[in-house]
Structure formats: structure tokens, C-alpha cells
C-alpha atoms as a PDB file:
ATOM      1  CA  UNK A   1     -17.650  21.919  19.672  1.00  0.00           C
ATOM      2  CA  UNK A   2     -14.632  24.181  19.389  1.00  0.00           C
ATOM      3  CA  UNK A   3     -13.422  22.207  16.358  1.00  0.00           C
ATOM      4  CA  UNK A   4     -16.828  22.541  14.663  1.00  0.00           C
ATOM      5  CA  UNK A   5     -16.847  26.297  15.255  1.00  0.00           C
ATOM      6  CA  UNK A   6     -13.341  26.603  13.821  1.00  0.00           C
ATOM      7  CA  UNK A   7     -14.309  24.649  10.726  1.00  0.00           C
ATOM      8  CA  UNK A   8     -17.431  26.763  10.219  1.00  0.00           C
ATOM      9  CA  UNK A   9     -15.288  29.895  10.435  1.00  0.00           C
ATOM     10  CA  UNK A  10     -12.843  28.526   7.828  1.00  0.00           C
ATOM     11  CA  UNK A  11     -15.730  27.486   5.567  1.00  0.00           C
ATOM     12  CA  UNK A  12     -17.278  30.966   5.653  1.00  0.00           C
ATOM     13  CA  UNK A  13     -13.902  32.635   5.158  1.00  0.00           C
ATOM     14  CA  UNK A  14     -13.207  30.441   2.120  1.00  0.00           C
ATOM     15  CA  UNK A  15     -16.449  31.499   0.431  1.00  0.00           C
ATOM     16  CA  UNK A  16     -15.826  35.144   1.319  1.00  0.00           C
ATOM     17  CA  UNK A  17     -12.364  35.102  -0.251  1.00  0.00           C
ATOM     18  CA  UNK A  18     -13.638  33.223  -3.302  1.00  0.00           C
ATOM     19  CA  UNK A  19     -16.380  35.824  -3.799  1.00  0.00           C
ATOM     20  CA  UNK A  20     -13.839  38.634  -3.442  1.00  0.00           C
ATOM     21  CA  UNK A  21     -11.579  36.983  -6.029  1.00  0.00           C
ATOM     22  CA  UNK A  22     -14.305  36.383  -8.602  1.00  0.00           C
ATOM     23  CA  UNK A  23     -16.525  39.428  -8.066  1.00  0.00           C
ATOM     24  CA  UNK A  24     -13.762  41.962  -7.445  1.00  0.00           C
ATOM     25  CA  UNK A  25     -11.504  43.684  -9.997  1.00  0.00           C
ATOM     26  CA  UNK A  26      -9.127  40.740 -10.531  1.00  0.00           C
ATOM     27  CA  UNK A  27     -11.043  39.093 -13.431  1.00  0.00           C
ATOM     28  CA  UNK A  28     -11.068  42.393 -15.318  1.00  0.00           C
ATOM     29  CA  UNK A  29      -7.403  43.092 -14.630  1.00  0.00           C
ATOM     30  CA  UNK A  30      -6.496  39.523 -15.624  1.00  0.00           C
ATOM     31  CA  UNK A  31      -7.583  40.194 -19.212  1.00  0.00           C
ATOM     32  CA  UNK A  32      -4.394  42.193 -19.762  1.00  0.00           C
ATOM     33  CA  UNK A  33      -2.185  41.458 -16.724  1.00  0.00           C
ATOM     34  CA  UNK A  34      -0.572  38.079 -16.170  1.00  0.00           C
ATOM     35  CA  UNK A  35       0.213  39.005 -12.556  1.00  0.00           C
ATOM     36  CA  UNK A  36      -3.486  39.647 -11.929  1.00  0.00           C
ATOM     37  CA  UNK A  37      -4.348  36.324 -13.563  1.00  0.00           C
ATOM     38  CA  UNK A  38      -1.894  34.437 -11.389  1.00  0.00           C
ATOM     39  CA  UNK A  39      -3.082  36.235  -8.251  1.00  0.00           C
ATOM     40  CA  UNK A  40      -6.622  35.144  -9.109  1.00  0.00           C
ATOM     41  CA  UNK A  41      -5.466  31.587  -9.794  1.00  0.00           C
ATOM     42  CA  UNK A  42      -3.648  31.313  -6.461  1.00  0.00           C
ATOM     43  CA  UNK A  43      -6.568  32.875  -4.596  1.00  0.00           C
ATOM     44  CA  UNK A  44      -8.781  30.048  -5.890  1.00  0.00           C
ATOM     45  CA  UNK A  45      -6.553  26.951  -5.599  1.00  0.00           C
ATOM     46  CA  UNK A  46      -4.142  27.895  -2.796  1.00  0.00           C
ATOM     47  CA  UNK A  47      -6.314  30.045  -0.504  1.00  0.00           C
ATOM     48  CA  UNK A  48     -10.053  29.473  -0.976  1.00  0.00           C
ATOM     49  CA  UNK A  49      -9.849  25.743  -1.847  1.00  0.00           C
ATOM     50  CA  UNK A  50      -7.896  24.667   1.278  1.00  0.00           C
ATOM     51  CA  UNK A  51     -10.118  26.787   3.537  1.00  0.00           C
ATOM     52  CA  UNK A  52     -13.267  25.229   2.069  1.00  0.00           C
ATOM     53  CA  UNK A  53     -11.816  21.702   2.139  1.00  0.00           C
ATOM     54  CA  UNK A  54     -10.643  21.905   5.756  1.00  0.00           C
ATOM     55  CA  UNK A  55     -13.919  23.580   6.673  1.00  0.00           C
ATOM     56  CA  UNK A  56     -15.934  20.604   5.417  1.00  0.00           C
ATOM     57  CA  UNK A  57     -13.503  17.802   6.349  1.00  0.00           C
ATOM     58  CA  UNK A  58     -15.225  15.056   8.317  1.00  0.00           C
ATOM     59  CA  UNK A  59     -18.593  16.809   8.325  1.00  0.00           C
ATOM     60  CA  UNK A  60     -21.832  15.522   6.857  1.00  0.00           C
ATOM     61  CA  UNK A  61     -21.244  17.086   3.427  1.00  0.00           C
ATOM     62  CA  UNK A  62     -17.659  15.864   3.125  1.00  0.00           C
ATOM     63  CA  UNK A  63     -17.654  13.779  -0.098  1.00  0.00           C
ATOM     64  CA  UNK A  64     -14.606  11.796   1.059  1.00  0.00           C
ATOM     65  CA  UNK A  65     -16.729  10.126   3.728  1.00  0.00           C
ATOM     66  CA  UNK A  66     -19.207   8.959   1.087  1.00  0.00           C
ATOM     67  CA  UNK A  67     -16.825   8.015  -1.741  1.00  0.00           C
ATOM     68  CA  UNK A  68     -13.281   7.638  -0.368  1.00  0.00           C
ATOM     69  CA  UNK A  69     -12.084   5.711  -3.425  1.00  0.00           C
ATOM     70  CA  UNK A  70     -12.599   8.811  -5.582  1.00  0.00           C
ATOM     71  CA  UNK A  71     -10.339  10.898  -3.347  1.00  0.00           C
ATOM     72  CA  UNK A  72      -6.897   9.341  -3.536  1.00  0.00           C
ATOM     73  CA  UNK A  73      -4.391  12.190  -2.938  1.00  0.00           C
ATOM     74  CA  UNK A  74      -1.721  11.286  -5.492  1.00  0.00           C
ATOM     75  CA  UNK A  75      -4.091  10.764  -8.472  1.00  0.00           C
ATOM     76  CA  UNK A  76      -5.883  13.980  -7.489  1.00  0.00           C
ATOM     77  CA  UNK A  77      -2.545  15.801  -7.509  1.00  0.00           C
ATOM     78  CA  UNK A  78      -1.681  14.419 -10.950  1.00  0.00           C
ATOM     79  CA  UNK A  79      -5.090  15.501 -12.260  1.00  0.00           C
ATOM     80  CA  UNK A  80      -4.540  19.034 -10.934  1.00  0.00           C
ATOM     81  CA  UNK A  81      -1.105  19.092 -12.576  1.00  0.00           C
ATOM     82  CA  UNK A  82      -2.667  18.274 -15.956  1.00  0.00           C
ATOM     83  CA  UNK A  83      -5.431  20.867 -15.511  1.00  0.00           C
ATOM     84  CA  UNK A  84      -3.131  23.677 -14.369  1.00  0.00           C
ATOM     85  CA  UNK A  85      -0.500  23.116 -17.047  1.00  0.00           C
ATOM     86  CA  UNK A  86      -3.126  22.728 -19.789  1.00  0.00           C
ATOM     87  CA  UNK A  87      -4.791  26.032 -18.925  1.00  0.00           C
ATOM     88  CA  UNK A  88      -1.420  27.775 -19.090  1.00  0.00           C
ATOM     89  CA  UNK A  89      -0.880  26.682 -22.670  1.00  0.00           C
ATOM     90  CA  UNK A  90      -1.086  29.887 -24.762  1.00  0.00           C
ATOM     91  CA  UNK A  91      -4.261  28.921 -26.652  1.00  0.00           C
ATOM     92  CA  UNK A  92      -6.403  27.985 -23.657  1.00  0.00           C
ATOM     93  CA  UNK A  93      -4.936  30.810 -21.599  1.00  0.00           C
ATOM     94  CA  UNK A  94      -5.859  33.349 -24.268  1.00  0.00           C
ATOM     95  CA  UNK A  95      -9.398  31.934 -24.512  1.00  0.00           C
ATOM     96  CA  UNK A  96      -9.913  32.156 -20.751  1.00  0.00           C
ATOM     97  CA  UNK A  97      -8.603  35.738 -20.600  1.00  0.00           C
ATOM     98  CA  UNK A  98     -10.826  37.144 -23.345  1.00  0.00           C
ATOM     99  CA  UNK A  99     -13.951  34.961 -23.549  1.00  0.00           C
ATOM    100  CA  UNK A 100     -16.434  34.589 -20.694  1.00  0.00           C
ATOM    101  CA  UNK A 101     -17.156  30.865 -21.341  1.00  0.00           C
ATOM    102  CA  UNK A 102     -13.422  30.163 -21.249  1.00  0.00           C
ATOM    103  CA  UNK A 103     -13.010  32.092 -18.025  1.00  0.00           C
ATOM    104  CA  UNK A 104     -15.923  30.299 -16.322  1.00  0.00           C
ATOM    105  CA  UNK A 105     -14.706  26.838 -17.392  1.00  0.00           C
ATOM    106  CA  UNK A 106     -11.120  27.600 -16.379  1.00  0.00           C
ATOM    107  CA  UNK A 107     -12.005  28.946 -12.946  1.00  0.00           C
ATOM    108  CA  UNK A 108     -14.484  26.133 -12.278  1.00  0.00           C
ATOM    109  CA  UNK A 109     -11.857  23.531 -13.138  1.00  0.00           C
ATOM    110  CA  UNK A 110      -9.269  25.291 -10.968  1.00  0.00           C
ATOM    111  CA  UNK A 111     -11.649  25.305  -7.984  1.00  0.00           C
ATOM    112  CA  UNK A 112     -12.752  21.700  -8.433  1.00  0.00           C
ATOM    113  CA  UNK A 113      -9.166  20.500  -8.911  1.00  0.00           C
ATOM    114  CA  UNK A 114      -8.031  22.420  -5.830  1.00  0.00           C
ATOM    115  CA  UNK A 115     -10.880  21.038  -3.731  1.00  0.00           C
ATOM    116  CA  UNK A 116     -10.151  17.530  -4.996  1.00  0.00           C
ATOM    117  CA  UNK A 117      -6.518  17.712  -3.867  1.00  0.00           C
ATOM    118  CA  UNK A 118      -7.168  19.349  -0.488  1.00  0.00           C
ATOM    119  CA  UNK A 119     -10.147  17.135   0.350  1.00  0.00           C
ATOM    120  CA  UNK A 120      -8.171  14.039  -0.641  1.00  0.00           C
ATOM    121  CA  UNK A 121      -5.481  15.068   1.849  1.00  0.00           C
ATOM    122  CA  UNK A 122      -7.555  16.461   4.733  1.00  0.00           C
ATOM    123  CA  UNK A 123     -11.031  14.976   4.257  1.00  0.00           C
ATOM    124  CA  UNK A 124     -12.662  11.785   5.430  1.00  0.00           C
ATOM    125  CA  UNK A 125     -13.575  10.583   8.912  1.00  0.00           C
ATOM    126  CA  UNK A 126     -11.735  12.420  11.662  1.00  0.00           C
ATOM    127  CA  UNK A 127      -9.208  11.757  13.060  1.00  0.00           C
ATOM    128  CA  UNK A 128      -7.721  10.894   9.683  1.00  0.00           C
ATOM    129  CA  UNK A 129      -6.450   7.425   8.930  1.00  0.00           C
ATOM    130  CA  UNK A 130      -2.668   7.352   8.933  1.00  0.00           C
ATOM    131  CA  UNK A 131      -2.596   5.879   5.433  1.00  0.00           C
ATOM    132  CA  UNK A 132      -4.662   8.780   4.056  1.00  0.00           C
ATOM    133  CA  UNK A 133      -2.494  11.312   5.865  1.00  0.00           C
ATOM    134  CA  UNK A 134       0.688   9.743   4.457  1.00  0.00           C
ATOM    135  CA  UNK A 135      -0.772   9.730   0.937  1.00  0.00           C
ATOM    136  CA  UNK A 136      -1.906  13.316   1.520  1.00  0.00           C
ATOM    137  CA  UNK A 137       1.679  14.320   2.295  1.00  0.00           C
ATOM    138  CA  UNK A 138       2.828  12.847  -1.034  1.00  0.00           C
ATOM    139  CA  UNK A 139      -0.013  14.458  -2.972  1.00  0.00           C
ATOM    140  CA  UNK A 140       0.527  17.930  -1.515  1.00  0.00           C
ATOM    141  CA  UNK A 141       4.300  17.772  -1.920  1.00  0.00           C
ATOM    142  CA  UNK A 142       3.885  16.679  -5.546  1.00  0.00           C
ATOM    143  CA  UNK A 143       1.544  19.610  -6.135  1.00  0.00           C
ATOM    144  CA  UNK A 144       3.986  21.976  -4.446  1.00  0.00           C
ATOM    145  CA  UNK A 145       6.736  20.730  -6.751  1.00  0.00           C
ATOM    146  CA  UNK A 146       4.810  21.190  -9.981  1.00  0.00           C
ATOM    147  CA  UNK A 147       3.520  24.621  -8.891  1.00  0.00           C
ATOM    148  CA  UNK A 148       7.073  25.658  -8.077  1.00  0.00           C
ATOM    149  CA  UNK A 149       8.371  24.292 -11.384  1.00  0.00           C
ATOM    150  CA  UNK A 150       5.745  26.045 -13.518  1.00  0.00           C
ATOM    151  CA  UNK A 151       6.178  29.262 -11.551  1.00  0.00           C
ATOM    152  CA  UNK A 152       9.944  29.116 -12.004  1.00  0.00           C
ATOM    153  CA  UNK A 153       9.615  28.516 -15.763  1.00  0.00           C
ATOM    154  CA  UNK A 154       7.326  31.525 -16.098  1.00  0.00           C
ATOM    155  CA  UNK A 155       9.461  33.699 -13.834  1.00  0.00           C
ATOM    156  CA  UNK A 156      12.728  32.941 -15.609  1.00  0.00           C
ATOM    157  CA  UNK A 157      11.617  32.603 -19.237  1.00  0.00           C
ATOM    158  CA  UNK A 158      13.667  34.923 -21.476  1.00  0.00           C
ATOM    159  CA  UNK A 159      10.757  35.342 -23.901  1.00  0.00           C
ATOM    160  CA  UNK A 160       7.116  36.298 -23.671  1.00  0.00           C
ATOM    161  CA  UNK A 161       4.818  33.247 -23.635  1.00  0.00           C
ATOM    162  CA  UNK A 162       1.465  35.070 -23.584  1.00  0.00           C
ATOM    163  CA  UNK A 163       1.644  37.798 -26.215  1.00  0.00           C
ATOM    164  CA  UNK A 164      -1.890  39.108 -25.744  1.00  0.00           C
ATOM    165  CA  UNK A 165      -0.959  40.788 -22.449  1.00  0.00           C
ATOM    166  CA  UNK A 166      -0.549  44.551 -22.691  1.00  0.00           C
ATOM    167  CA  UNK A 167       2.195  46.721 -21.266  1.00  0.00           C
ATOM    168  CA  UNK A 168       1.239  48.409 -18.014  1.00  0.00           C
ATOM    169  CA  UNK A 169       2.303  51.617 -16.370  1.00  0.00           C
ATOM    170  CA  UNK A 170       4.808  49.838 -14.089  1.00  0.00           C
ATOM    171  CA  UNK A 171       5.888  46.752 -16.055  1.00  0.00           C
ATOM    172  CA  UNK A 172       6.317  45.668 -19.643  1.00  0.00           C
ATOM    173  CA  UNK A 173       4.655  42.353 -20.653  1.00  0.00           C
ATOM    174  CA  UNK A 174       7.748  40.219 -20.009  1.00  0.00           C
ATOM    175  CA  UNK A 175       8.254  41.711 -16.549  1.00  0.00           C
ATOM    176  CA  UNK A 176       4.550  41.140 -15.874  1.00  0.00           C
ATOM    177  CA  UNK A 177       4.989  37.464 -16.821  1.00  0.00           C
ATOM    178  CA  UNK A 178       8.007  37.179 -14.526  1.00  0.00           C
ATOM    179  CA  UNK A 179       6.144  38.669 -11.561  1.00  0.00           C
ATOM    180  CA  UNK A 180       3.146  36.406 -12.214  1.00  0.00           C
ATOM    181  CA  UNK A 181       5.425  33.379 -12.267  1.00  0.00           C
ATOM    182  CA  UNK A 182       6.952  34.488  -8.970  1.00  0.00           C
ATOM    183  CA  UNK A 183       3.465  34.755  -7.439  1.00  0.00           C
ATOM    184  CA  UNK A 184       2.763  31.156  -8.440  1.00  0.00           C
ATOM    185  CA  UNK A 185       6.155  29.938  -7.273  1.00  0.00           C
ATOM    186  CA  UNK A 186       5.902  31.579  -3.851  1.00  0.00           C
ATOM    187  CA  UNK A 187       2.199  31.325  -2.994  1.00  0.00           C
ATOM    188  CA  UNK A 188       1.463  27.978  -4.638  1.00  0.00           C
ATOM    189  CA  UNK A 189       4.708  26.318  -3.618  1.00  0.00           C
ATOM    190  CA  UNK A 190       4.588  27.466  -0.009  1.00  0.00           C
ATOM    191  CA  UNK A 191       0.869  26.771   0.550  1.00  0.00           C
ATOM    192  CA  UNK A 192       0.964  23.168  -0.662  1.00  0.00           C
ATOM    193  CA  UNK A 193       4.287  22.546   1.049  1.00  0.00           C
ATOM    194  CA  UNK A 194       2.827  23.868   4.313  1.00  0.00           C
ATOM    195  CA  UNK A 195      -0.148  21.518   3.966  1.00  0.00           C
ATOM    196  CA  UNK A 196       2.182  18.567   3.465  1.00  0.00           C
ATOM    197  CA  UNK A 197       4.297  19.561   6.466  1.00  0.00           C
ATOM    198  CA  UNK A 198       1.176  19.913   8.640  1.00  0.00           C
ATOM    199  CA  UNK A 199       0.080  16.390   7.759  1.00  0.00           C
ATOM    200  CA  UNK A 200       3.625  15.141   8.413  1.00  0.00           C
ATOM    201  CA  UNK A 201       3.537  16.722  11.854  1.00  0.00           C
ATOM    202  CA  UNK A 202       0.165  15.098  12.518  1.00  0.00           C
ATOM    203  CA  UNK A 203       1.579  11.699  11.555  1.00  0.00           C
ATOM    204  CA  UNK A 204       4.596  12.104  13.855  1.00  0.00           C
ATOM    205  CA  UNK A 205       2.459  13.238  16.793  1.00  0.00           C
ATOM    206  CA  UNK A 206       0.063  10.320  16.410  1.00  0.00           C
ATOM    207  CA  UNK A 207       2.942   7.874  15.955  1.00  0.00           C
ATOM    208  CA  UNK A 208       4.580   9.042  19.161  1.00  0.00           C
ATOM    209  CA  UNK A 209       1.270   8.920  21.025  1.00  0.00           C
ATOM    210  CA  UNK A 210       0.467   5.347  19.967  1.00  0.00           C
ATOM    211  CA  UNK A 211       1.211   2.716  22.639  1.00  0.00           C
ATOM    212  CA  UNK A 212       4.217   0.483  22.135  1.00  0.00           C
ATOM    213  CA  UNK A 213       3.382  -3.029  20.957  1.00  0.00           C
ATOM    214  CA  UNK A 214       4.620  -5.716  23.328  1.00  0.00           C
ATOM    215  CA  UNK A 215       5.857  -9.030  21.896  1.00  0.00           C
ATOM    216  CA  UNK A 216       3.540 -12.001  22.408  1.00  0.00           C
ATOM    217  CA  UNK A 217       4.302 -14.292  25.356  1.00  0.00           C
ATOM    218  CA  UNK A 218       7.155 -16.670  24.671  1.00  0.00           C
ATOM    219  CA  UNK A 219       8.799 -14.377  22.102  1.00  0.00           C
ATOM    220  CA  UNK A 220      10.648 -12.138  24.521  1.00  0.00           C
ATOM    221  CA  UNK A 221      14.271 -11.480  23.737  1.00  0.00           C
ATOM    222  CA  UNK A 222      16.665 -13.385  25.981  1.00  0.00           C
ATOM    223  CA  UNK A 223      18.375 -11.338  28.668  1.00  0.00           C
ATOM    224  CA  UNK A 224      21.837 -11.893  30.085  1.00  0.00           C
END
């Protein structure tokens, strides 16, 4: 009962944070600020998505329980990599920043990709199968790596990649791009890494708690 209450709390918190991200000032700020865009992106995939996924894991509306084959962690991670990197190509990024259809499609794909990865790692019948947990570790660590890599490229690029961003009162466009890349590197990298480490801890705890397997009769090692 306590676990169900905790999951319900996480589920509600995920929707609350998602509503704050989409209905607050961030979408408007993201039209000209890359830092605001990246804050919005991380709020969706690295904050709201894991809260929603963990909140529904193992419950009656968890899609992993109904179609586990569609929720393999590593393929889900690769799909998110393609989606995230594609939407940070200058053309698609510009479309999403300045056209409502582009923004809606981008944000919907970010949320679905994030849910796909986190549900693949944490979803399914509880307690999780060890094979799914191990694959979840790989999927989340892979996602952490590509988030860190893209964030580092944006944070350290010597030239402006998204020229439609305007200069702000505190930062010029290149500095804004660097700060946005740092947001992705820190928030995205740490969140997915933490998820992978949590699953690793769960695997170790369950491994240590499993009873030792005794050899069948007649196969005991000889003693002196």
C-alpha cells in the first residue's frame, strides 16, 4: 500500500511539472533563448518522464506489462538518441522554436521518447526481472553518454550553431548556447546516470539476497 501511494505521488508530481514546463513561460522564452529551450527539454525527458514512468511501473496501465517486446531498453535508448540529435539539427530546431506545429511535434516526441526509455528500464511486472534491470542499466547509461556528449559539444563549440537566437541582457547568443549545453550535460547526464546506478544497486541487492545454489548430490567437491 505504501508503494502504491508513493507511485501515485510521483505520477501526480510528474504531470504537475510537465504542466508547469509547457504552460509556463519557458516555451515563450525558448523562442529566443537556447538555455530556456534546453531547460524545457530537460524538464520533459529528464524530470517529468522518469516521474511518470516510475509512477505507472507495474500498475494496470503500464504498457510494458501488456507488450514487453516493444520496450527493450537498449533499442529505446537508441531511438531517443536519434530523436534528440535530429531535433537539435539547425533546421528542425529553428522550426520548433518559431512554429507552433513544430513545437508540438518536437515536445510530443521528446516526451514519448523519454517515457519509452524510462518505462523500458523501470516498467513491467514488479519486482523487475533481473534481465530487464540489467538491460535497463545499459539503456540508461547509453542515454547518459549521448546526452553528455551532445551537451559537451554545445557547451564547448567555438561557433554559434543556432543563429536565430537573440542576444539577451546577460548573455550573447554564443554564451547562451554554451549555458544551454551545460544544462543538458549536467541535468541529462546525471539523471540518466542516476537511474542506471539505481538499477545496478537493485541488481546487487537482489543478487546478494538470492539463496546459494547447492551442487546436486554426487557432485560435491572432494575434501581432504
